[in-house]
Amino acid sequence: MYVLRDSFLINSTMGQWYITYYYELSRIAIENNMINASTYLDYLQFGVDLLAVINKIRNGDPTNIPVDEDMKSKAEMFLADFRFHTTDTLIIQYLDNIQGDLDYFTGKDAAHILSIIEN
């Protein structure tokens, strides 16, 4: 994850926001024991799926669709879990921002997504 952060995300405003989201949502997950023996494999699999999407955006066919309805649905389950565990208005705003990006990027090709992230 550090390579992704230090070689890609750090280079754009959107990427820097996602670094913030990562650390803040990690804090919420830790404080609320969201990743435990019964949820660990779900979070691990989502992380693997998310890294595959990122790889498709950065290194795949620019015409492929990295975020499909299935991936969107998986992500929304995790967003809902975070919403359940917080009343913090800033965290809720972060979740709303992620949902907005998810809505926008679903069905878009990798080249388009990359151009948005890099600007």
PDB file of N, CA and C in Angstrom:
ATOM      1  N   MET A   1       0.810  -1.184   0.000  1.00  0.00           N
ATOM      2  CA  MET A   1       0.000   0.000   0.000  1.00  0.00           C
ATOM      3  C   MET A   1       0.860   1.259   0.000  1.00  0.00           C
ATOM      4  N   TYR A   2       2.016   1.201   0.630  1.00  0.00           N
ATOM      5  CA  TYR A   2       2.854   2.392   0.665  1.00  0.00           C
ATOM      6  C   TYR A   2       3.346   2.773  -0.722  1.00  0.00           C
ATOM      7  N   VAL A   3       3.628   1.791  -1.559  1.00  0.00           N
ATOM      8  CA  VAL A   3       4.061   2.082  -2.929  1.00  0.00           C
ATOM      9  C   VAL A   3       2.945   2.799  -3.667  1.00  0.00           C
ATOM     10  N   LEU A   4       1.723   2.327  -3.523  1.00  0.00           N
ATOM     11  CA  LEU A   4       0.575   2.975  -4.152  1.00  0.00           C
ATOM     12  C   LEU A   4       0.449   4.412  -3.655  1.00  0.00           C
ATOM     13  N   ARG A   5       0.562   4.590  -2.370  1.00  0.00           N
ATOM     14  CA  ARG A   5       0.472   5.935  -1.791  1.00  0.00           C
ATOM     15  C   ARG A   5       1.592   6.829  -2.295  1.00  0.00           C
ATOM     16  N   ASP A   6       2.837   6.345  -2.187  1.00  0.00           N
ATOM     17  CA  ASP A   6       4.001   7.188  -2.446  1.00  0.00           C
ATOM     18  C   ASP A   6       4.328   7.384  -3.916  1.00  0.00           C
ATOM     19  N   SER A   7       3.865   6.490  -4.781  1.00  0.00           N
ATOM     20  CA  SER A   7       4.201   6.639  -6.198  1.00  0.00           C
ATOM     21  C   SER A   7       3.012   7.067  -7.050  1.00  0.00           C
ATOM     22  N   PHE A   8       1.806   7.074  -6.474  1.00  0.00           N
ATOM     23  CA  PHE A   8       0.634   7.387  -7.281  1.00  0.00           C
ATOM     24  C   PHE A   8      -0.295   8.381  -6.584  1.00  0.00           C
ATOM     25  N   LEU A   9      -0.830   8.010  -5.459  1.00  0.00           N
ATOM     26  CA  LEU A   9      -1.847   8.841  -4.814  1.00  0.00           C
ATOM     27  C   LEU A   9      -1.324  10.203  -4.381  1.00  0.00           C
ATOM     28  N   ILE A  10      -0.117  10.253  -3.905  1.00  0.00           N
ATOM     29  CA  ILE A  10       0.454  11.497  -3.393  1.00  0.00           C
ATOM     30  C   ILE A  10       0.560  12.582  -4.466  1.00  0.00           C
ATOM     31  N   ASN A  11       0.522  12.184  -5.734  1.00  0.00           N
ATOM     32  CA  ASN A  11       0.777  13.115  -6.834  1.00  0.00           C
ATOM     33  C   ASN A  11      -0.434  13.913  -7.302  1.00  0.00           C
ATOM     34  N   SER A  12      -1.598  13.698  -6.711  1.00  0.00           N
ATOM     35  CA  SER A  12      -2.777  14.455  -7.144  1.00  0.00           C
ATOM     36  C   SER A  12      -3.632  14.834  -5.941  1.00  0.00           C
ATOM     37  N   THR A  13      -4.445  15.852  -6.124  1.00  0.00           N
ATOM     38  CA  THR A  13      -5.340  16.275  -5.051  1.00  0.00           C
ATOM     39  C   THR A  13      -6.302  15.157  -4.673  1.00  0.00           C
ATOM     40  N   MET A  14      -6.896  14.515  -5.675  1.00  0.00           N
ATOM     41  CA  MET A  14      -7.820  13.418  -5.384  1.00  0.00           C
ATOM     42  C   MET A  14      -7.089  12.289  -4.660  1.00  0.00           C
ATOM     43  N   GLY A  15      -5.905  11.968  -5.104  1.00  0.00           N
ATOM     44  CA  GLY A  15      -5.122  10.924  -4.457  1.00  0.00           C
ATOM     45  C   GLY A  15      -4.817  11.258  -3.010  1.00  0.00           C
ATOM     46  N   GLN A  16      -4.490  12.525  -2.744  1.00  0.00           N
ATOM     47  CA  GLN A  16      -4.212  12.941  -1.377  1.00  0.00           C
ATOM     48  C   GLN A  16      -5.455  12.828  -0.497  1.00  0.00           C
ATOM     49  N   TRP A  17      -6.628  13.113  -1.076  1.00  0.00           N
ATOM     50  CA  TRP A  17      -7.861  12.913  -0.319  1.00  0.00           C
ATOM     51  C   TRP A  17      -8.033  11.439   0.033  1.00  0.00           C
ATOM     52  N   TYR A  18      -7.726  10.558  -0.918  1.00  0.00           N
ATOM     53  CA  TYR A  18      -7.893   9.131  -0.646  1.00  0.00           C
ATOM     54  C   TYR A  18      -6.889   8.624   0.386  1.00  0.00           C
ATOM     55  N   ILE A  19      -5.747   9.241   0.470  1.00  0.00           N
ATOM     56  CA  ILE A  19      -4.815   8.913   1.554  1.00  0.00           C
ATOM     57  C   ILE A  19      -5.454   9.283   2.891  1.00  0.00           C
ATOM     58  N   THR A  20      -6.040  10.469   2.957  1.00  0.00           N
ATOM     59  CA  THR A  20      -6.736  10.898   4.175  1.00  0.00           C
ATOM     60  C   THR A  20      -7.872   9.947   4.514  1.00  0.00           C
ATOM     61  N   TYR A  21      -8.687   9.599   3.518  1.00  0.00           N
ATOM     62  CA  TYR A  21      -9.800   8.671   3.762  1.00  0.00           C
ATOM     63  C   TYR A  21      -9.282   7.358   4.339  1.00  0.00           C
ATOM     64  N   TYR A  22      -8.206   6.847   3.761  1.00  0.00           N
ATOM     65  CA  TYR A  22      -7.642   5.569   4.211  1.00  0.00           C
ATOM     66  C   TYR A  22      -7.284   5.624   5.702  1.00  0.00           C
ATOM     67  N   TYR A  23      -6.562   6.669   6.095  1.00  0.00           N
ATOM     68  CA  TYR A  23      -6.131   6.751   7.487  1.00  0.00           C
ATOM     69  C   TYR A  23      -7.304   7.005   8.432  1.00  0.00           C
ATOM     70  N   GLU A  24      -8.226   7.858   8.035  1.00  0.00           N
ATOM     71  CA  GLU A  24      -9.368   8.149   8.901  1.00  0.00           C
ATOM     72  C   GLU A  24     -10.317   6.956   9.023  1.00  0.00           C
ATOM     73  N   LEU A  25     -10.583   6.281   7.922  1.00  0.00           N
ATOM     74  CA  LEU A  25     -11.455   5.110   7.997  1.00  0.00           C
ATOM     75  C   LEU A  25     -10.775   3.960   8.732  1.00  0.00           C
ATOM     76  N   SER A  26      -9.463   3.860   8.610  1.00  0.00           N
ATOM     77  CA  SER A  26      -8.725   2.849   9.388  1.00  0.00           C
ATOM     78  C   SER A  26      -8.883   3.112  10.876  1.00  0.00           C
ATOM     79  N   ARG A  27      -8.819   4.383  11.248  1.00  0.00           N
ATOM     80  CA  ARG A  27      -8.998   4.754  12.657  1.00  0.00           C
ATOM     81  C   ARG A  27     -10.390   4.335  13.149  1.00  0.00           C
ATOM     82  N   ILE A  28     -11.411   4.621  12.356  1.00  0.00           N
ATOM     83  CA  ILE A  28     -12.778   4.240  12.725  1.00  0.00           C
ATOM     84  C   ILE A  28     -12.890   2.718  12.856  1.00  0.00           C
ATOM     85  N   ALA A  29     -12.290   2.001  11.917  1.00  0.00           N
ATOM     86  CA  ALA A  29     -12.342   0.534  11.949  1.00  0.00           C
ATOM     87  C   ALA A  29     -11.687  -0.010  13.214  1.00  0.00           C
ATOM     88  N   ILE A  30     -10.545   0.560  13.585  1.00  0.00           N
ATOM     89  CA  ILE A  30      -9.834   0.107  14.783  1.00  0.00           C
ATOM     90  C   ILE A  30     -10.634   0.445  16.039  1.00  0.00           C
ATOM     91  N   GLU A  31     -11.113   1.686  16.122  1.00  0.00           N
ATOM     92  CA  GLU A  31     -11.858   2.121  17.308  1.00  0.00           C
ATOM     93  C   GLU A  31     -13.126   1.296  17.532  1.00  0.00           C
ATOM     94  N   ASN A  32     -13.711   0.806  16.460  1.00  0.00           N
ATOM     95  CA  ASN A  32     -14.978   0.076  16.554  1.00  0.00           C
ATOM     96  C   ASN A  32     -14.831  -1.428  16.359  1.00  0.00           C
ATOM     97  N   ASN A  33     -13.590  -1.905  16.354  1.00  0.00           N
ATOM     98  CA  ASN A  33     -13.317  -3.336  16.198  1.00  0.00           C
ATOM     99  C   ASN A  33     -14.060  -3.922  14.996  1.00  0.00           C
ATOM    100  N   MET A  34     -14.046  -3.174  13.896  1.00  0.00           N
ATOM    101  CA  MET A  34     -14.769  -3.597  12.695  1.00  0.00           C
ATOM    102  C   MET A  34     -14.083  -4.754  11.979  1.00  0.00           C
ATOM    103  N   ILE A  35     -12.782  -4.851  12.127  1.00  0.00           N
ATOM    104  CA  ILE A  35     -12.046  -5.954  11.507  1.00  0.00           C
ATOM    105  C   ILE A  35     -11.672  -6.914  12.626  1.00  0.00           C
ATOM    106  N   ASN A  36     -12.362  -8.037  12.647  1.00  0.00           N
ATOM    107  CA  ASN A  36     -12.179  -9.022  13.708  1.00  0.00           C
ATOM    108  C   ASN A  36     -12.218 -10.415  13.088  1.00  0.00           C
ATOM    109  N   ALA A  37     -12.251 -11.416  13.921  1.00  0.00           N
ATOM    110  CA  ALA A  37     -12.196 -12.797  13.418  1.00  0.00           C
ATOM    111  C   ALA A  37     -13.331 -13.112  12.447  1.00  0.00           C
ATOM    112  N   SER A  38     -14.494 -12.512  12.659  1.00  0.00           N
ATOM    113  CA  SER A  38     -15.625 -12.842  11.782  1.00  0.00           C
ATOM    114  C   SER A  38     -15.671 -12.003  10.504  1.00  0.00           C
ATOM    115  N   THR A  39     -14.943 -10.886  10.468  1.00  0.00           N
ATOM    116  CA  THR A  39     -14.985 -10.015   9.278  1.00  0.00           C
ATOM    117  C   THR A  39     -13.666  -9.941   8.520  1.00  0.00           C
ATOM    118  N   TYR A  40     -12.615 -10.482   9.108  1.00  0.00           N
ATOM    119  CA  TYR A  40     -11.273 -10.344   8.537  1.00  0.00           C
ATOM    120  C   TYR A  40     -11.203 -10.773   7.071  1.00  0.00           C
ATOM    121  N   LEU A  41     -11.737 -11.935   6.763  1.00  0.00           N
ATOM    122  CA  LEU A  41     -11.643 -12.441   5.388  1.00  0.00           C
ATOM    123  C   LEU A  41     -12.426 -11.573   4.410  1.00  0.00           C
ATOM    124  N   ASP A  42     -13.544 -11.007   4.845  1.00  0.00           N
ATOM    125  CA  ASP A  42     -14.311 -10.106   3.980  1.00  0.00           C
ATOM    126  C   ASP A  42     -13.502  -8.856   3.648  1.00  0.00           C
ATOM    127  N   TYR A  43     -12.875  -8.269   4.670  1.00  0.00           N
ATOM    128  CA  TYR A  43     -12.058  -7.077   4.442  1.00  0.00           C
ATOM    129  C   TYR A  43     -10.834  -7.403   3.591  1.00  0.00           C
ATOM    130  N   LEU A  44     -10.227  -8.544   3.853  1.00  0.00           N
ATOM    131  CA  LEU A  44      -9.068  -8.957   3.065  1.00  0.00           C
ATOM    132  C   LEU A  44      -9.449  -9.128   1.598  1.00  0.00           C
ATOM    133  N   GLN A  45     -10.543  -9.816   1.331  1.00  0.00           N
ATOM    134  CA  GLN A  45     -10.977 -10.028  -0.051  1.00  0.00           C
ATOM    135  C   GLN A  45     -11.318  -8.706  -0.728  1.00  0.00           C
ATOM    136  N   PHE A  46     -11.958  -7.792   0.001  1.00  0.00           N
ATOM    137  CA  PHE A  46     -12.260  -6.487  -0.582  1.00  0.00           C
ATOM    138  C   PHE A  46     -10.973  -5.743  -0.920  1.00  0.00           C
ATOM    139  N   GLY A  47      -9.979  -5.834  -0.047  1.00  0.00           N
ATOM    140  CA  GLY A  47      -8.686  -5.208  -0.331  1.00  0.00           C
ATOM    141  C   GLY A  47      -8.041  -5.776  -1.580  1.00  0.00           C
ATOM    142  N   VAL A  48      -8.095  -7.082  -1.741  1.00  0.00           N
ATOM    143  CA  VAL A  48      -7.563  -7.733  -2.945  1.00  0.00           C
ATOM    144  C   VAL A  48      -8.326  -7.253  -4.177  1.00  0.00           C
ATOM    145  N   ASP A  49      -9.650  -7.206  -4.078  1.00  0.00           N
ATOM    146  CA  ASP A  49     -10.471  -6.737  -5.201  1.00  0.00           C
ATOM    147  C   ASP A  49     -10.158  -5.280  -5.542  1.00  0.00           C
ATOM    148  N   LEU A  50      -9.987  -4.465  -4.517  1.00  0.00           N
ATOM    149  CA  LEU A  50      -9.689  -3.049  -4.725  1.00  0.00           C
ATOM    150  C   LEU A  50      -8.330  -2.862  -5.388  1.00  0.00           C
ATOM    151  N   LEU A  51      -7.343  -3.625  -4.957  1.00  0.00           N
ATOM    152  CA  LEU A  51      -6.025  -3.542  -5.599  1.00  0.00           C
ATOM    153  C   LEU A  51      -6.092  -3.977  -7.061  1.00  0.00           C
ATOM    154  N   ALA A  52      -6.929  -4.945  -7.378  1.00  0.00           N
ATOM    155  CA  ALA A  52      -7.106  -5.359  -8.775  1.00  0.00           C
ATOM    156  C   ALA A  52      -7.705  -4.225  -9.601  1.00  0.00           C
ATOM    157  N   VAL A  53      -8.666  -3.504  -9.031  1.00  0.00           N
ATOM    158  CA  VAL A  53      -9.258  -2.354  -9.724  1.00  0.00           C
ATOM    159  C   VAL A  53      -8.199  -1.281  -9.962  1.00  0.00           C
ATOM    160  N   ILE A  54      -7.418  -0.993  -8.943  1.00  0.00           N
ATOM    161  CA  ILE A  54      -6.368   0.024  -9.072  1.00  0.00           C
ATOM    162  C   ILE A  54      -5.360  -0.386 -10.134  1.00  0.00           C
ATOM    163  N   ASN A  55      -4.993  -1.658 -10.165  1.00  0.00           N
ATOM    164  CA  ASN A  55      -4.061  -2.149 -11.182  1.00  0.00           C
ATOM    165  C   ASN A  55      -4.651  -1.999 -12.584  1.00  0.00           C
ATOM    166  N   LYS A  56      -5.940  -2.276 -12.738  1.00  0.00           N
ATOM    167  CA  LYS A  56      -6.586  -2.102 -14.045  1.00  0.00           C
ATOM    168  C   LYS A  56      -6.572  -0.638 -14.473  1.00  0.00           C
ATOM    169  N   ILE A  57      -6.772   0.256 -13.523  1.00  0.00           N
ATOM    170  CA  ILE A  57      -6.767   1.687 -13.840  1.00  0.00           C
ATOM    171  C   ILE A  57      -5.370   2.137 -14.237  1.00  0.00           C
ATOM    172  N   ARG A  58      -4.375   1.718 -13.493  1.00  0.00           N
ATOM    173  CA  ARG A  58      -3.008   2.191 -13.725  1.00  0.00           C
ATOM    174  C   ARG A  58      -2.289   1.462 -14.845  1.00  0.00           C
ATOM    175  N   ASN A  59      -2.522   0.156 -14.994  1.00  0.00           N
ATOM    176  CA  ASN A  59      -1.676  -0.646 -15.880  1.00  0.00           C
ATOM    177  C   ASN A  59      -2.430  -1.467 -16.912  1.00  0.00           C
ATOM    178  N   GLY A  60      -3.731  -1.437 -16.877  1.00  0.00           N
ATOM    179  CA  GLY A  60      -4.501  -2.295 -17.767  1.00  0.00           C
ATOM    180  C   GLY A  60      -4.861  -1.628 -19.078  1.00  0.00           C
ATOM    181  N   ASP A  61      -5.685  -2.304 -19.820  1.00  0.00           N
ATOM    182  CA  ASP A  61      -6.227  -1.791 -21.074  1.00  0.00           C
ATOM    183  C   ASP A  61      -7.012  -0.518 -20.758  1.00  0.00           C
ATOM    184  N   PRO A  62      -6.665   0.610 -21.376  1.00  0.00           N
ATOM    185  CA  PRO A  62      -7.342   1.866 -21.056  1.00  0.00           C
ATOM    186  C   PRO A  62      -8.833   1.871 -21.389  1.00  0.00           C
ATOM    187  N   THR A  63      -9.275   0.895 -22.187  1.00  0.00           N
ATOM    188  CA  THR A  63     -10.699   0.852 -22.537  1.00  0.00           C
ATOM    189  C   THR A  63     -11.509  -0.066 -21.621  1.00  0.00           C
ATOM    190  N   ASN A  64     -10.828  -0.761 -20.692  1.00  0.00           N
ATOM    191  CA  ASN A  64     -11.588  -1.660 -19.815  1.00  0.00           C
ATOM    192  C   ASN A  64     -12.384  -0.867 -18.776  1.00  0.00           C
ATOM    193  N   ILE A  65     -13.327  -1.517 -18.160  1.00  0.00           N
ATOM    194  CA  ILE A  65     -14.193  -0.903 -17.147  1.00  0.00           C
ATOM    195  C   ILE A  65     -13.807  -1.491 -15.788  1.00  0.00           C
ATOM    196  N   PRO A  66     -12.954  -0.799 -15.034  1.00  0.00           N
ATOM    197  CA  PRO A  66     -12.468  -1.360 -13.766  1.00  0.00           C
ATOM    198  C   PRO A  66     -13.521  -1.427 -12.661  1.00  0.00           C
ATOM    199  N   VAL A  67     -14.424  -0.451 -12.639  1.00  0.00           N
ATOM    200  CA  VAL A  67     -15.440  -0.416 -11.584  1.00  0.00           C
ATOM    201  C   VAL A  67     -16.788  -0.773 -12.213  1.00  0.00           C
ATOM    202  N   ASP A  68     -17.171  -2.032 -12.029  1.00  0.00           N
ATOM    203  CA  ASP A  68     -18.461  -2.479 -12.556  1.00  0.00           C
ATOM    204  C   ASP A  68     -19.492  -2.482 -11.419  1.00  0.00           C
ATOM    205  N   GLU A  69     -20.708  -2.864 -11.734  1.00  0.00           N
ATOM    206  CA  GLU A  69     -21.780  -2.859 -10.727  1.00  0.00           C
ATOM    207  C   GLU A  69     -21.471  -3.799  -9.561  1.00  0.00           C
ATOM    208  N   ASP A  70     -20.804  -4.920  -9.832  1.00  0.00           N
ATOM    209  CA  ASP A  70     -20.452  -5.857  -8.769  1.00  0.00           C
ATOM    210  C   ASP A  70     -19.472  -5.217  -7.790  1.00  0.00           C
ATOM    211  N   MET A  71     -18.439  -4.560  -8.306  1.00  0.00           N
ATOM    212  CA  MET A  71     -17.467  -3.901  -7.432  1.00  0.00           C
ATOM    213  C   MET A  71     -18.127  -2.761  -6.669  1.00  0.00           C
ATOM    214  N   LYS A  72     -18.982  -2.019  -7.346  1.00  0.00           N
ATOM    215  CA  LYS A  72     -19.696  -0.931  -6.674  1.00  0.00           C
ATOM    216  C   LYS A  72     -20.510  -1.483  -5.508  1.00  0.00           C
ATOM    217  N   SER A  73     -21.203  -2.570  -5.731  1.00  0.00           N
ATOM    218  CA  SER A  73     -22.026  -3.181  -4.691  1.00  0.00           C
ATOM    219  C   SER A  73     -21.177  -3.626  -3.501  1.00  0.00           C
ATOM    220  N   LYS A  74     -20.029  -4.237  -3.783  1.00  0.00           N
ATOM    221  CA  LYS A  74     -19.123  -4.651  -2.705  1.00  0.00           C
ATOM    222  C   LYS A  74     -18.661  -3.443  -1.897  1.00  0.00           C
ATOM    223  N   ALA A  75     -18.259  -2.390  -2.589  1.00  0.00           N
ATOM    224  CA  ALA A  75     -17.780  -1.187  -1.903  1.00  0.00           C
ATOM    225  C   ALA A  75     -18.886  -0.566  -1.058  1.00  0.00           C
ATOM    226  N   GLU A  76     -20.095  -0.554  -1.584  1.00  0.00           N
ATOM    227  CA  GLU A  76     -21.210   0.048  -0.848  1.00  0.00           C
ATOM    228  C   GLU A  76     -21.527  -0.710   0.436  1.00  0.00           C
ATOM    229  N   MET A  77     -21.295  -2.008   0.460  1.00  0.00           N
ATOM    230  CA  MET A  77     -21.495  -2.770   1.700  1.00  0.00           C
ATOM    231  C   MET A  77     -20.531  -2.283   2.780  1.00  0.00           C
ATOM    232  N   PHE A  78     -19.288  -2.013   2.395  1.00  0.00           N
ATOM    233  CA  PHE A  78     -18.313  -1.536   3.366  1.00  0.00           C
ATOM    234  C   PHE A  78     -18.612  -0.097   3.779  1.00  0.00           C
ATOM    235  N   LEU A  79     -19.020   0.734   2.831  1.00  0.00           N
ATOM    236  CA  LEU A  79     -19.396   2.105   3.174  1.00  0.00           C
ATOM    237  C   LEU A  79     -20.551   2.102   4.174  1.00  0.00           C
ATOM    238  N   ALA A  80     -21.526   1.229   3.970  1.00  0.00           N
ATOM    239  CA  ALA A  80     -22.662   1.122   4.893  1.00  0.00           C
ATOM    240  C   ALA A  80     -22.197   0.697   6.283  1.00  0.00           C
ATOM    241  N   ASP A  81     -21.241  -0.206   6.341  1.00  0.00           N
ATOM    242  CA  ASP A  81     -20.705  -0.651   7.628  1.00  0.00           C
ATOM    243  C   ASP A  81     -20.048   0.513   8.361  1.00  0.00           C
ATOM    244  N   PHE A  82     -19.287   1.330   7.637  1.00  0.00           N
ATOM    245  CA  PHE A  82     -18.664   2.495   8.272  1.00  0.00           C
ATOM    246  C   PHE A  82     -19.722   3.499   8.725  1.00  0.00           C
ATOM    247  N   ARG A  83     -20.747   3.708   7.920  1.00  0.00           N
ATOM    248  CA  ARG A  83     -21.827   4.629   8.308  1.00  0.00           C
ATOM    249  C   ARG A  83     -22.503   4.158   9.599  1.00  0.00           C
ATOM    250  N   PHE A  84     -22.663   2.856   9.741  1.00  0.00           N
ATOM    251  CA  PHE A  84     -23.278   2.287  10.935  1.00  0.00           C
ATOM    252  C   PHE A  84     -22.445   2.584  12.183  1.00  0.00           C
ATOM    253  N   HIS A  85     -21.130   2.661  12.030  1.00  0.00           N
ATOM    254  CA  HIS A  85     -20.229   2.787  13.172  1.00  0.00           C
ATOM    255  C   HIS A  85     -19.797   4.214  13.491  1.00  0.00           C
ATOM    256  N   THR A  86     -20.340   5.224  12.827  1.00  0.00           N
ATOM    257  CA  THR A  86     -19.908   6.581  13.134  1.00  0.00           C
ATOM    258  C   THR A  86     -21.051   7.574  13.042  1.00  0.00           C
ATOM    259  N   THR A  87     -20.942   8.601  13.868  1.00  0.00           N
ATOM    260  CA  THR A  87     -21.820   9.763  13.758  1.00  0.00           C
ATOM    261  C   THR A  87     -20.990  11.011  13.474  1.00  0.00           C
ATOM    262  N   ASP A  88     -19.696  10.837  13.347  1.00  0.00           N
ATOM    263  CA  ASP A  88     -18.772  11.941  13.079  1.00  0.00           C
ATOM    264  C   ASP A  88     -19.105  12.557  11.715  1.00  0.00           C
ATOM    265  N   THR A  89     -19.461  13.836  11.708  1.00  0.00           N
ATOM    266  CA  THR A  89     -19.901  14.479  10.463  1.00  0.00           C
ATOM    267  C   THR A  89     -18.794  14.539   9.418  1.00  0.00           C
ATOM    268  N   LEU A  90     -17.550  14.680   9.843  1.00  0.00           N
ATOM    269  CA  LEU A  90     -16.449  14.704   8.877  1.00  0.00           C
ATOM    270  C   LEU A  90     -16.292  13.332   8.214  1.00  0.00           C
ATOM    271  N   ILE A  91     -16.364  12.283   8.991  1.00  0.00           N
ATOM    272  CA  ILE A  91     -16.263  10.928   8.432  1.00  0.00           C
ATOM    273  C   ILE A  91     -17.446  10.656   7.506  1.00  0.00           C
ATOM    274  N   ILE A  92     -18.625  11.094   7.890  1.00  0.00           N
ATOM    275  CA  ILE A  92     -19.796  10.924   7.025  1.00  0.00           C
ATOM    276  C   ILE A  92     -19.590  11.667   5.708  1.00  0.00           C
ATOM    277  N   GLN A  93     -18.992  12.858   5.764  1.00  0.00           N
ATOM    278  CA  GLN A  93     -18.694  13.597   4.528  1.00  0.00           C
ATOM    279  C   GLN A  93     -17.690  12.827   3.671  1.00  0.00           C
ATOM    280  N   TYR A  94     -16.682  12.247   4.297  1.00  0.00           N
ATOM    281  CA  TYR A  94     -15.726  11.425   3.545  1.00  0.00           C
ATOM    282  C   TYR A  94     -16.444  10.259   2.862  1.00  0.00           C
ATOM    283  N   LEU A  95     -17.334   9.603   3.586  1.00  0.00           N
ATOM    284  CA  LEU A  95     -18.079   8.480   3.012  1.00  0.00           C
ATOM    285  C   LEU A  95     -18.968   8.944   1.860  1.00  0.00           C
ATOM    286  N   ASP A  96     -19.573  10.120   2.012  1.00  0.00           N
ATOM    287  CA  ASP A  96     -20.379  10.686   0.921  1.00  0.00           C
ATOM    288  C   ASP A  96     -19.512  10.970  -0.304  1.00  0.00           C
ATOM    289  N   ASN A  97     -18.309  11.492  -0.076  1.00  0.00           N
ATOM    290  CA  ASN A  97     -17.391  11.771  -1.187  1.00  0.00           C
ATOM    291  C   ASN A  97     -17.003  10.486  -1.912  1.00  0.00           C
ATOM    292  N   ILE A  98     -16.690   9.464  -1.146  1.00  0.00           N
ATOM    293  CA  ILE A  98     -16.330   8.175  -1.745  1.00  0.00           C
ATOM    294  C   ILE A  98     -17.514   7.627  -2.538  1.00  0.00           C
ATOM    295  N   GLN A  99     -18.717   7.724  -1.961  1.00  0.00           N
ATOM    296  CA  GLN A  99     -19.911   7.243  -2.671  1.00  0.00           C
ATOM    297  C   GLN A  99     -20.107   8.004  -3.982  1.00  0.00           C
ATOM    298  N   GLY A 100     -19.897   9.315  -3.946  1.00  0.00           N
ATOM    299  CA  GLY A 100     -20.021  10.114  -5.166  1.00  0.00           C
ATOM    300  C   GLY A 100     -19.029   9.690  -6.230  1.00  0.00           C
ATOM    301  N   ASP A 101     -17.785   9.449  -5.824  1.00  0.00           N
ATOM    302  CA  ASP A 101     -16.773   8.974  -6.775  1.00  0.00           C
ATOM    303  C   ASP A 101     -17.147   7.597  -7.305  1.00  0.00           C
ATOM    304  N   LEU A 102     -17.615   6.748  -6.429  1.00  0.00           N
ATOM    305  CA  LEU A 102     -18.025   5.401  -6.830  1.00  0.00           C
ATOM    306  C   LEU A 102     -19.161   5.466  -7.854  1.00  0.00           C
ATOM    307  N   ASP A 103     -20.144   6.314  -7.590  1.00  0.00           N
ATOM    308  CA  ASP A 103     -21.253   6.485  -8.533  1.00  0.00           C
ATOM    309  C   ASP A 103     -20.742   6.976  -9.885  1.00  0.00           C
ATOM    310  N   TYR A 104     -19.826   7.947  -9.849  1.00  0.00           N
ATOM    311  CA  TYR A 104     -19.320   8.527 -11.092  1.00  0.00           C
ATOM    312  C   TYR A 104     -18.443   7.545 -11.871  1.00  0.00           C
ATOM    313  N   PHE A 105     -17.555   6.837 -11.178  1.00  0.00           N
ATOM    314  CA  PHE A 105     -16.587   5.974 -11.855  1.00  0.00           C
ATOM    315  C   PHE A 105     -17.171   4.644 -12.338  1.00  0.00           C
ATOM    316  N   THR A 106     -18.292   4.226 -11.773  1.00  0.00           N
ATOM    317  CA  THR A 106     -18.884   2.954 -12.190  1.00  0.00           C
ATOM    318  C   THR A 106     -19.283   3.025 -13.661  1.00  0.00           C
ATOM    319  N   GLY A 107     -18.754   2.075 -14.431  1.00  0.00           N
ATOM    320  CA  GLY A 107     -19.055   2.006 -15.858  1.00  0.00           C
ATOM    321  C   GLY A 107     -18.166   2.857 -16.740  1.00  0.00           C
ATOM    322  N   LYS A 108     -17.265   3.644 -16.143  1.00  0.00           N
ATOM    323  CA  LYS A 108     -16.338   4.470 -16.928  1.00  0.00           C
ATOM    324  C   LYS A 108     -15.098   3.649 -17.269  1.00  0.00           C
ATOM    325  N   ASP A 109     -14.453   3.994 -18.390  1.00  0.00           N
ATOM    326  CA  ASP A 109     -13.249   3.252 -18.765  1.00  0.00           C
ATOM    327  C   ASP A 109     -12.043   3.723 -17.957  1.00  0.00           C
ATOM    328  N   ALA A 110     -11.017   2.888 -17.938  1.00  0.00           N
ATOM    329  CA  ALA A 110      -9.823   3.136 -17.122  1.00  0.00           C
ATOM    330  C   ALA A 110      -9.140   4.441 -17.487  1.00  0.00           C
ATOM    331  N   ALA A 111      -9.061   4.758 -18.770  1.00  0.00           N
ATOM    332  CA  ALA A 111      -8.399   5.991 -19.199  1.00  0.00           C
ATOM    333  C   ALA A 111      -9.107   7.211 -18.626  1.00  0.00           C
ATOM    334  N   HIS A 112     -10.421   7.196 -18.644  1.00  0.00           N
ATOM    335  CA  HIS A 112     -11.190   8.324 -18.107  1.00  0.00           C
ATOM    336  C   HIS A 112     -10.976   8.451 -16.599  1.00  0.00           C
ATOM    337  N   ILE A 113     -11.055   7.335 -15.895  1.00  0.00           N
ATOM    338  CA  ILE A 113     -10.855   7.360 -14.444  1.00  0.00           C
ATOM    339  C   ILE A 113      -9.461   7.883 -14.109  1.00  0.00           C
ATOM    340  N   LEU A 114      -8.454   7.384 -14.800  1.00  0.00           N
ATOM    341  CA  LEU A 114      -7.086   7.820 -14.544  1.00  0.00           C
ATOM    342  C   LEU A 114      -6.929   9.313 -14.795  1.00  0.00           C
ATOM    343  N   SER A 115      -7.549   9.825 -15.848  1.00  0.00           N
ATOM    344  CA  SER A 115      -7.434  11.259 -16.147  1.00  0.00           C
ATOM    345  C   SER A 115      -8.059  12.104 -15.041  1.00  0.00           C
ATOM    346  N   ILE A 116      -9.133  11.628 -14.439  1.00  0.00           N
ATOM    347  CA  ILE A 116      -9.767  12.353 -13.334  1.00  0.00           C
ATOM    348  C   ILE A 116      -8.879  12.296 -12.092  1.00  0.00           C
ATOM    349  N   ILE A 117      -8.366  11.130 -11.781  1.00  0.00           N
ATOM    350  CA  ILE A 117      -7.526  10.972 -10.592  1.00  0.00           C
ATOM    351  C   ILE A 117      -6.260  11.812 -10.698  1.00  0.00           C
ATOM    352  N   GLU A 118      -5.665  11.868 -11.861  1.00  0.00           N
ATOM    353  CA  GLU A 118      -4.381  12.554 -12.021  1.00  0.00           C
ATOM    354  C   GLU A 118      -4.508  14.069 -12.118  1.00  0.00           C
ATOM    355  N   ASN A 119      -5.694  14.596 -12.278  1.00  0.00           N
ATOM    356  CA  ASN A 119      -5.856  16.064 -12.385  1.00  0.00           C
ATOM    357  C   ASN A 119      -6.243  16.697 -11.081  1.00  0.00           C
TER     358      ASN A 119
END
